[in-house]
């Protein structure tokens, strides 16, 4: 199950996020999304866990938990919607 984690502190790294969720089960990936130009965190991440039950428990337990003074907001990640390509003429 893939989860969307928002309101992340800008200093949270992938490994720290993985450890936070690993308390609830096996984490297959934890990726903080970074700005392409600056390399700084954009304040959100995606975490994937193998078990849906463990992921649900993690979401319930960690939603609104303060990390770096900010309450996390966690939801099920939606599939990326494909947008039609725009012609930039």
PDB file of N, CA and C in Angstrom:
ATOM      1  N   UNK A   1       0.845  -1.180   0.000  1.00  0.00           N
ATOM      2  CA  UNK A   1       0.000   0.000   0.000  1.00  0.00           C
ATOM      3  C   UNK A   1       0.886   1.237   0.000  1.00  0.00           C
ATOM      4  N   UNK A   2       0.547   2.185  -0.851  1.00  0.00           N
ATOM      5  CA  UNK A   2       1.325   3.415  -0.977  1.00  0.00           C
ATOM      6  C   UNK A   2       0.591   4.549  -0.253  1.00  0.00           C
ATOM      7  N   UNK A   3       1.332   5.297   0.565  1.00  0.00           N
ATOM      8  CA  UNK A   3       0.738   6.383   1.345  1.00  0.00           C
ATOM      9  C   UNK A   3       1.376   7.715   0.995  1.00  0.00           C
ATOM     10  N   UNK A   4       0.575   8.751   1.067  1.00  0.00           N
ATOM     11  CA  UNK A   4       1.016  10.119   0.834  1.00  0.00           C
ATOM     12  C   UNK A   4       1.159  10.782   2.201  1.00  0.00           C
ATOM     13  N   UNK A   5       2.342  11.306   2.482  1.00  0.00           N
ATOM     14  CA  UNK A   5       2.622  11.939   3.768  1.00  0.00           C
ATOM     15  C   UNK A   5       2.904  13.420   3.500  1.00  0.00           C
ATOM     16  N   UNK A   6       2.071  14.299   4.063  1.00  0.00           N
ATOM     17  CA  UNK A   6       2.281  15.729   3.835  1.00  0.00           C
ATOM     18  C   UNK A   6       2.506  16.458   5.161  1.00  0.00           C
ATOM     19  N   UNK A   7       2.844  17.728   5.045  1.00  0.00           N
ATOM     20  CA  UNK A   7       3.178  18.594   6.174  1.00  0.00           C
ATOM     21  C   UNK A   7       4.456  18.111   6.867  1.00  0.00           C
ATOM     22  N   UNK A   8       5.370  17.590   6.059  1.00  0.00           N
ATOM     23  CA  UNK A   8       6.655  17.114   6.580  1.00  0.00           C
ATOM     24  C   UNK A   8       7.581  18.283   6.870  1.00  0.00           C
ATOM     25  N   UNK A   9       8.342  18.164   7.933  1.00  0.00           N
ATOM     26  CA  UNK A   9       9.381  19.145   8.198  1.00  0.00           C
ATOM     27  C   UNK A   9      10.413  19.083   7.075  1.00  0.00           C
ATOM     28  N   UNK A  10      11.007  20.205   6.739  1.00  0.00           N
ATOM     29  CA  UNK A  10      11.906  20.270   5.591  1.00  0.00           C
ATOM     30  C   UNK A  10      13.249  19.579   5.815  1.00  0.00           C
ATOM     31  N   UNK A  11      13.533  19.143   7.043  1.00  0.00           N
ATOM     32  CA  UNK A  11      14.793  18.461   7.324  1.00  0.00           C
ATOM     33  C   UNK A  11      14.633  16.944   7.434  1.00  0.00           C
ATOM     34  N   UNK A  12      13.404  16.437   7.321  1.00  0.00           N
ATOM     35  CA  UNK A  12      13.164  14.995   7.405  1.00  0.00           C
ATOM     36  C   UNK A  12      13.744  14.330   6.151  1.00  0.00           C
ATOM     37  N   UNK A  13      14.523  13.268   6.376  1.00  0.00           N
ATOM     38  CA  UNK A  13      15.160  12.523   5.285  1.00  0.00           C
ATOM     39  C   UNK A  13      14.463  11.180   5.082  1.00  0.00           C
ATOM     40  N   UNK A  14      14.752  10.532   3.955  1.00  0.00           N
ATOM     41  CA  UNK A  14      14.135   9.246   3.612  1.00  0.00           C
ATOM     42  C   UNK A  14      14.289   8.218   4.728  1.00  0.00           C
ATOM     43  N   UNK A  15      15.509   8.069   5.245  1.00  0.00           N
ATOM     44  CA  UNK A  15      15.783   7.038   6.248  1.00  0.00           C
ATOM     45  C   UNK A  15      15.007   7.294   7.544  1.00  0.00           C
ATOM     46  N   UNK A  16      14.918   8.538   7.954  1.00  0.00           N
ATOM     47  CA  UNK A  16      14.164   8.888   9.161  1.00  0.00           C
ATOM     48  C   UNK A  16      12.681   8.541   8.990  1.00  0.00           C
ATOM     49  N   UNK A  17      12.154   8.833   7.823  1.00  0.00           N
ATOM     50  CA  UNK A  17      10.756   8.528   7.522  1.00  0.00           C
ATOM     51  C   UNK A  17      10.531   7.015   7.517  1.00  0.00           C
ATOM     52  N   UNK A  18      11.462   6.287   6.925  1.00  0.00           N
ATOM     53  CA  UNK A  18      11.363   4.826   6.870  1.00  0.00           C
ATOM     54  C   UNK A  18      11.342   4.238   8.276  1.00  0.00           C
ATOM     55  N   UNK A  19      12.211   4.725   9.145  1.00  0.00           N
ATOM     56  CA  UNK A  19      12.267   4.222  10.522  1.00  0.00           C
ATOM     57  C   UNK A  19      10.971   4.518  11.275  1.00  0.00           C
ATOM     58  N   UNK A  20      10.390   5.670  11.027  1.00  0.00           N
ATOM     59  CA  UNK A  20       9.139   6.050  11.681  1.00  0.00           C
ATOM     60  C   UNK A  20       8.029   5.051  11.347  1.00  0.00           C
ATOM     61  N   UNK A  21       7.921   4.675  10.076  1.00  0.00           N
ATOM     62  CA  UNK A  21       6.882   3.745   9.633  1.00  0.00           C
ATOM     63  C   UNK A  21       7.237   2.293   9.919  1.00  0.00           C
ATOM     64  N   UNK A  22       8.523   1.974  10.003  1.00  0.00           N
ATOM     65  CA  UNK A  22       8.965   0.596  10.231  1.00  0.00           C
ATOM     66  C   UNK A  22       8.504   0.058  11.578  1.00  0.00           C
ATOM     67  N   UNK A  23       8.146   0.933  12.495  1.00  0.00           N
ATOM     68  CA  UNK A  23       7.623   0.480  13.795  1.00  0.00           C
ATOM     69  C   UNK A  23       6.290  -0.262  13.622  1.00  0.00           C
ATOM     70  N   UNK A  24       5.672  -0.128  12.447  1.00  0.00           N
ATOM     71  CA  UNK A  24       4.355  -0.735  12.212  1.00  0.00           C
ATOM     72  C   UNK A  24       4.397  -1.885  11.218  1.00  0.00           C
ATOM     73  N   UNK A  25       5.552  -2.129  10.594  1.00  0.00           N
ATOM     74  CA  UNK A  25       5.666  -3.227   9.639  1.00  0.00           C
ATOM     75  C   UNK A  25       6.759  -2.967   8.620  1.00  0.00           C
ATOM     76  N   UNK A  26       6.798  -3.816   7.604  1.00  0.00           N
ATOM     77  CA  UNK A  26       7.850  -3.734   6.593  1.00  0.00           C
ATOM     78  C   UNK A  26       7.597  -2.585   5.619  1.00  0.00           C
ATOM     79  N   UNK A  27       8.579  -1.706   5.524  1.00  0.00           N
ATOM     80  CA  UNK A  27       8.510  -0.561   4.615  1.00  0.00           C
ATOM     81  C   UNK A  27       9.326  -0.910   3.372  1.00  0.00           C
ATOM     82  N   UNK A  28       8.693  -0.906   2.209  1.00  0.00           N
ATOM     83  CA  UNK A  28       9.418  -1.215   0.977  1.00  0.00           C
ATOM     84  C   UNK A  28      10.078   0.019   0.386  1.00  0.00           C
ATOM     85  N   UNK A  29       9.511   1.195   0.633  1.00  0.00           N
ATOM     86  CA  UNK A  29      10.169   2.432   0.196  1.00  0.00           C
ATOM     87  C   UNK A  29       9.630   3.625   0.979  1.00  0.00           C
ATOM     88  N   UNK A  30      10.495   4.603   1.152  1.00  0.00           N
ATOM     89  CA  UNK A  30      10.129   5.864   1.794  1.00  0.00           C
ATOM     90  C   UNK A  30      10.903   6.944   1.046  1.00  0.00           C
ATOM     91  N   UNK A  31      10.179   7.824   0.363  1.00  0.00           N
ATOM     92  CA  UNK A  31      10.844   8.811  -0.483  1.00  0.00           C
ATOM     93  C   UNK A  31      10.308  10.212  -0.240  1.00  0.00           C
ATOM     94  N   UNK A  32      11.166  11.068   0.295  1.00  0.00           N
ATOM     95  CA  UNK A  32      10.833  12.487   0.464  1.00  0.00           C
ATOM     96  C   UNK A  32      11.006  13.129  -0.908  1.00  0.00           C
ATOM     97  N   UNK A  33      10.008  13.863  -1.360  1.00  0.00           N
ATOM     98  CA  UNK A  33      10.057  14.501  -2.669  1.00  0.00           C
ATOM     99  C   UNK A  33      10.823  15.815  -2.558  1.00  0.00           C
ATOM    100  N   UNK A  34      11.780  15.974  -3.465  1.00  0.00           N
ATOM    101  CA  UNK A  34      12.655  17.148  -3.427  1.00  0.00           C
ATOM    102  C   UNK A  34      12.459  18.011  -4.664  1.00  0.00           C
ATOM    103  N   UNK A  35      12.701  19.299  -4.488  1.00  0.00           N
ATOM    104  CA  UNK A  35      12.646  20.246  -5.592  1.00  0.00           C
ATOM    105  C   UNK A  35      13.784  19.929  -6.564  1.00  0.00           C
ATOM    106  N   UNK A  36      13.478  19.861  -7.856  1.00  0.00           N
ATOM    107  CA  UNK A  36      14.490  19.499  -8.849  1.00  0.00           C
ATOM    108  C   UNK A  36      15.623  20.520  -8.947  1.00  0.00           C
ATOM    109  N   UNK A  37      15.301  21.776  -8.751  1.00  0.00           N
ATOM    110  CA  UNK A  37      16.326  22.818  -8.900  1.00  0.00           C
ATOM    111  C   UNK A  37      17.188  22.990  -7.655  1.00  0.00           C
ATOM    112  N   UNK A  38      16.544  23.012  -6.478  1.00  0.00           N
ATOM    113  CA  UNK A  38      17.282  23.316  -5.249  1.00  0.00           C
ATOM    114  C   UNK A  38      17.705  22.074  -4.468  1.00  0.00           C
ATOM    115  N   UNK A  39      17.026  20.945  -4.693  1.00  0.00           N
ATOM    116  CA  UNK A  39      17.324  19.739  -3.931  1.00  0.00           C
ATOM    117  C   UNK A  39      16.719  19.733  -2.541  1.00  0.00           C
ATOM    118  N   UNK A  40      15.965  20.793  -2.205  1.00  0.00           N
ATOM    119  CA  UNK A  40      15.321  20.876  -0.883  1.00  0.00           C
ATOM    120  C   UNK A  40      14.011  20.095  -0.877  1.00  0.00           C
ATOM    121  N   UNK A  41      13.642  19.614   0.287  1.00  0.00           N
ATOM    122  CA  UNK A  41      12.382  18.912   0.456  1.00  0.00           C
ATOM    123  C   UNK A  41      11.218  19.819   0.068  1.00  0.00           C
ATOM    124  N   UNK A  42      10.202  19.224  -0.551  1.00  0.00           N
ATOM    125  CA  UNK A  42       8.996  19.971  -0.891  1.00  0.00           C
ATOM    126  C   UNK A  42       7.932  19.822   0.193  1.00  0.00           C
ATOM    127  N   UNK A  43       8.265  19.101   1.278  1.00  0.00           N
ATOM    128  CA  UNK A  43       7.352  18.997   2.411  1.00  0.00           C
ATOM    129  C   UNK A  43       6.367  17.841   2.333  1.00  0.00           C
ATOM    130  N   UNK A  44       6.603  16.922   1.373  1.00  0.00           N
ATOM    131  CA  UNK A  44       5.750  15.736   1.323  1.00  0.00           C
ATOM    132  C   UNK A  44       6.567  14.540   0.856  1.00  0.00           C
ATOM    133  N   UNK A  45       5.976  13.351   1.065  1.00  0.00           N
ATOM    134  CA  UNK A  45       6.704  12.121   0.743  1.00  0.00           C
ATOM    135  C   UNK A  45       5.717  11.015   0.405  1.00  0.00           C
ATOM    136  N   UNK A  46       6.259   9.911  -0.095  1.00  0.00           N
ATOM    137  CA  UNK A  46       5.485   8.704  -0.336  1.00  0.00           C
ATOM    138  C   UNK A  46       6.151   7.569   0.414  1.00  0.00           C
ATOM    139  N   UNK A  47       5.334   6.793   1.127  1.00  0.00           N
ATOM    140  CA  UNK A  47       5.832   5.641   1.873  1.00  0.00           C
ATOM    141  C   UNK A  47       5.020   4.435   1.421  1.00  0.00           C
ATOM    142  N   UNK A  48       5.725   3.354   1.109  1.00  0.00           N
ATOM    143  CA  UNK A  48       5.046   2.137   0.684  1.00  0.00           C
ATOM    144  C   UNK A  48       5.355   1.009   1.655  1.00  0.00           C
ATOM    145  N   UNK A  49       4.292   0.297   2.050  1.00  0.00           N
ATOM    146  CA  UNK A  49       4.431  -0.837   2.963  1.00  0.00           C
ATOM    147  C   UNK A  49       3.850  -2.076   2.288  1.00  0.00           C
ATOM    148  N   UNK A  50       4.391  -3.249   2.633  1.00  0.00           N
ATOM    149  CA  UNK A  50       3.954  -4.482   1.988  1.00  0.00           C
ATOM    150  C   UNK A  50       2.548  -4.900   2.414  1.00  0.00           C
ATOM    151  N   UNK A  51       2.220  -4.696   3.674  1.00  0.00           N
ATOM    152  CA  UNK A  51       0.927  -5.141   4.204  1.00  0.00           C
ATOM    153  C   UNK A  51      -0.062  -3.976   4.310  1.00  0.00           C
ATOM    154  N   UNK A  52      -1.247  -4.173   3.750  1.00  0.00           N
ATOM    155  CA  UNK A  52      -2.270  -3.130   3.836  1.00  0.00           C
ATOM    156  C   UNK A  52      -2.714  -2.917   5.284  1.00  0.00           C
ATOM    157  N   UNK A  53      -2.814  -3.997   6.061  1.00  0.00           N
ATOM    158  CA  UNK A  53      -3.211  -3.870   7.467  1.00  0.00           C
ATOM    159  C   UNK A  53      -2.182  -3.062   8.263  1.00  0.00           C
ATOM    160  N   UNK A  54      -0.902  -3.351   8.038  1.00  0.00           N
ATOM    161  CA  UNK A  54       0.153  -2.613   8.730  1.00  0.00           C
ATOM    162  C   UNK A  54       0.151  -1.144   8.307  1.00  0.00           C
ATOM    163  N   UNK A  55      -0.092  -0.907   7.029  1.00  0.00           N
ATOM    164  CA  UNK A  55      -0.144   0.464   6.521  1.00  0.00           C
ATOM    165  C   UNK A  55      -1.312   1.227   7.151  1.00  0.00           C
ATOM    166  N   UNK A  56      -2.459   0.563   7.265  1.00  0.00           N
ATOM    167  CA  UNK A  56      -3.630   1.203   7.889  1.00  0.00           C
ATOM    168  C   UNK A  56      -3.322   1.550   9.344  1.00  0.00           C
ATOM    169  N   UNK A  57      -2.662   0.636  10.057  1.00  0.00           N
ATOM    170  CA  UNK A  57      -2.294   0.885  11.454  1.00  0.00           C
ATOM    171  C   UNK A  57      -1.326   2.055  11.543  1.00  0.00           C
ATOM    172  N   UNK A  58      -0.348   2.088  10.642  1.00  0.00           N
ATOM    173  CA  UNK A  58       0.620   3.183  10.626  1.00  0.00           C
ATOM    174  C   UNK A  58      -0.078   4.515  10.356  1.00  0.00           C
ATOM    175  N   UNK A  59      -1.003   4.525   9.399  1.00  0.00           N
ATOM    176  CA  UNK A  59      -1.727   5.768   9.080  1.00  0.00           C
ATOM    177  C   UNK A  59      -2.509   6.270  10.284  1.00  0.00           C
ATOM    178  N   UNK A  60      -3.218   5.362  10.946  1.00  0.00           N
ATOM    179  CA  UNK A  60      -4.021   5.764  12.113  1.00  0.00           C
ATOM    180  C   UNK A  60      -3.124   6.253  13.255  1.00  0.00           C
ATOM    181  N   UNK A  61      -1.999   5.583  13.448  1.00  0.00           N
ATOM    182  CA  UNK A  61      -1.115   5.924  14.564  1.00  0.00           C
ATOM    183  C   UNK A  61      -0.302   7.188  14.322  1.00  0.00           C
ATOM    184  N   UNK A  62       0.118   7.412  13.086  1.00  0.00           N
ATOM    185  CA  UNK A  62       1.015   8.526  12.793  1.00  0.00           C
ATOM    186  C   UNK A  62       0.318   9.779  12.273  1.00  0.00           C
ATOM    187  N   UNK A  63      -0.934   9.661  11.853  1.00  0.00           N
ATOM    188  CA  UNK A  63      -1.657  10.837  11.376  1.00  0.00           C
ATOM    189  C   UNK A  63      -1.791  11.845  12.522  1.00  0.00           C
ATOM    190  N   UNK A  64      -1.412  13.070  12.292  1.00  0.00           N
ATOM    191  CA  UNK A  64      -1.405  14.160  13.276  1.00  0.00           C
ATOM    192  C   UNK A  64      -0.283  14.057  14.315  1.00  0.00           C
ATOM    193  N   UNK A  65       0.603  13.059  14.189  1.00  0.00           N
ATOM    194  CA  UNK A  65       1.757  12.968  15.091  1.00  0.00           C
ATOM    195  C   UNK A  65       2.735  14.074  14.715  1.00  0.00           C
ATOM    196  N   UNK A  66       3.254  14.759  15.736  1.00  0.00           N
ATOM    197  CA  UNK A  66       4.201  15.845  15.473  1.00  0.00           C
ATOM    198  C   UNK A  66       5.599  15.291  15.205  1.00  0.00           C
ATOM    199  N   UNK A  67       6.152  15.710  14.085  1.00  0.00           N
ATOM    200  CA  UNK A  67       7.527  15.398  13.722  1.00  0.00           C
ATOM    201  C   UNK A  67       8.161  16.723  13.320  1.00  0.00           C
ATOM    202  N   UNK A  68       9.245  17.088  13.982  1.00  0.00           N
ATOM    203  CA  UNK A  68       9.893  18.390  13.791  1.00  0.00           C
ATOM    204  C   UNK A  68       8.894  19.539  14.006  1.00  0.00           C
ATOM    205  N   UNK A  69       8.002  19.358  14.981  1.00  0.00           N
ATOM    206  CA  UNK A  69       7.059  20.418  15.338  1.00  0.00           C
ATOM    207  C   UNK A  69       5.896  20.588  14.388  1.00  0.00           C
ATOM    208  N   UNK A  70       5.732  19.657  13.438  1.00  0.00           N
ATOM    209  CA  UNK A  70       4.630  19.751  12.465  1.00  0.00           C
ATOM    210  C   UNK A  70       3.807  18.476  12.514  1.00  0.00           C
ATOM    211  N   UNK A  71       2.469  18.593  12.568  1.00  0.00           N
ATOM    212  CA  UNK A  71       1.631  17.388  12.583  1.00  0.00           C
ATOM    213  C   UNK A  71       1.552  16.763  11.186  1.00  0.00           C
ATOM    214  N   UNK A  72       1.937  15.495  11.097  1.00  0.00           N
ATOM    215  CA  UNK A  72       1.879  14.792   9.819  1.00  0.00           C
ATOM    216  C   UNK A  72       0.441  14.613   9.359  1.00  0.00           C
ATOM    217  N   UNK A  73       0.254  14.626   8.075  1.00  0.00           N
ATOM    218  CA  UNK A  73      -1.040  14.311   7.474  1.00  0.00           C
ATOM    219  C   UNK A  73      -0.791  13.143   6.526  1.00  0.00           C
ATOM    220  N   UNK A  74      -1.466  12.015   6.776  1.00  0.00           N
ATOM    221  CA  UNK A  74      -1.202  10.795   6.005  1.00  0.00           C
ATOM    222  C   UNK A  74      -2.493  10.276   5.397  1.00  0.00           C
ATOM    223  N   UNK A  75      -2.437   9.932   4.120  1.00  0.00           N
ATOM    224  CA  UNK A  75      -3.592   9.366   3.425  1.00  0.00           C
ATOM    225  C   UNK A  75      -3.104   8.343   2.412  1.00  0.00           C
ATOM    226  N   UNK A  76      -4.047   7.589   1.860  1.00  0.00           N
ATOM    227  CA  UNK A  76      -3.705   6.635   0.810  1.00  0.00           C
ATOM    228  C   UNK A  76      -3.325   7.438  -0.428  1.00  0.00           C
ATOM    229  N   UNK A  77      -2.207   7.082  -1.036  1.00  0.00           N
ATOM    230  CA  UNK A  77      -1.758   7.801  -2.238  1.00  0.00           C
ATOM    231  C   UNK A  77      -2.659   7.429  -3.409  1.00  0.00           C
ATOM    232  N   UNK A  78      -3.003   8.437  -4.188  1.00  0.00           N
ATOM    233  CA  UNK A  78      -3.801   8.197  -5.396  1.00  0.00           C
ATOM    234  C   UNK A  78      -2.850   7.984  -6.564  1.00  0.00           C
ATOM    235  N   UNK A  79      -3.347   7.271  -7.565  1.00  0.00           N
ATOM    236  CA  UNK A  79      -2.559   7.100  -8.782  1.00  0.00           C
ATOM    237  C   UNK A  79      -2.390   8.448  -9.447  1.00  0.00           C
ATOM    238  N   UNK A  80      -1.238   8.675 -10.019  1.00  0.00           N
ATOM    239  CA  UNK A  80      -0.984   9.936 -10.707  1.00  0.00           C
ATOM    240  C   UNK A  80      -1.884  10.017 -11.938  1.00  0.00           C
ATOM    241  N   UNK A  81      -2.603  11.124 -12.014  1.00  0.00           N
ATOM    242  CA  UNK A  81      -3.486  11.307 -13.168  1.00  0.00           C
ATOM    243  C   UNK A  81      -2.651  11.761 -14.345  1.00  0.00           C
ATOM    244  N   UNK A  82      -2.920  11.144 -15.485  1.00  0.00           N
ATOM    245  CA  UNK A  82      -2.178  11.571 -16.667  1.00  0.00           C
ATOM    246  C   UNK A  82      -2.852  12.822 -17.223  1.00  0.00           C
ATOM    247  N   UNK A  83      -2.042  13.799 -17.468  1.00  0.00           N
ATOM    248  CA  UNK A  83      -2.592  15.051 -17.999  1.00  0.00           C
ATOM    249  C   UNK A  83      -2.197  15.150 -19.468  1.00  0.00           C
ATOM    250  N   UNK A  84      -3.079  15.702 -20.263  1.00  0.00           N
ATOM    251  CA  UNK A  84      -2.747  15.838 -21.682  1.00  0.00           C
ATOM    252  C   UNK A  84      -1.558  16.779 -21.848  1.00  0.00           C
ATOM    253  N   UNK A  85      -0.707  16.458 -22.766  1.00  0.00           N
ATOM    254  CA  UNK A  85       0.464  17.316 -22.999  1.00  0.00           C
ATOM    255  C   UNK A  85       0.017  18.621 -23.635  1.00  0.00           C
ATOM    256  N   UNK A  86       0.618  19.685 -23.148  1.00  0.00           N
ATOM    257  CA  UNK A  86       0.306  20.991 -23.710  1.00  0.00           C
ATOM    258  C   UNK A  86       1.365  21.373 -24.725  1.00  0.00           C
ATOM    259  N   UNK A  87       0.912  21.966 -25.787  1.00  0.00           N
ATOM    260  CA  UNK A  87       1.866  22.485 -26.769  1.00  0.00           C
ATOM    261  C   UNK A  87       2.283  23.874 -26.333  1.00  0.00           C
ATOM    262  N   UNK A  88       3.554  24.054 -26.135  1.00  0.00           N
ATOM    263  CA  UNK A  88       4.079  25.365 -25.733  1.00  0.00           C
ATOM    264  C   UNK A  88       4.685  26.046 -26.952  1.00  0.00           C
ATOM    265  N   UNK A  89       3.858  26.658 -27.735  1.00  0.00           N
ATOM    266  CA  UNK A  89       4.322  27.286 -28.965  1.00  0.00           C
ATOM    267  C   UNK A  89       4.568  28.695 -28.725  1.00  0.00           C
TER     268      UNK A  89
END
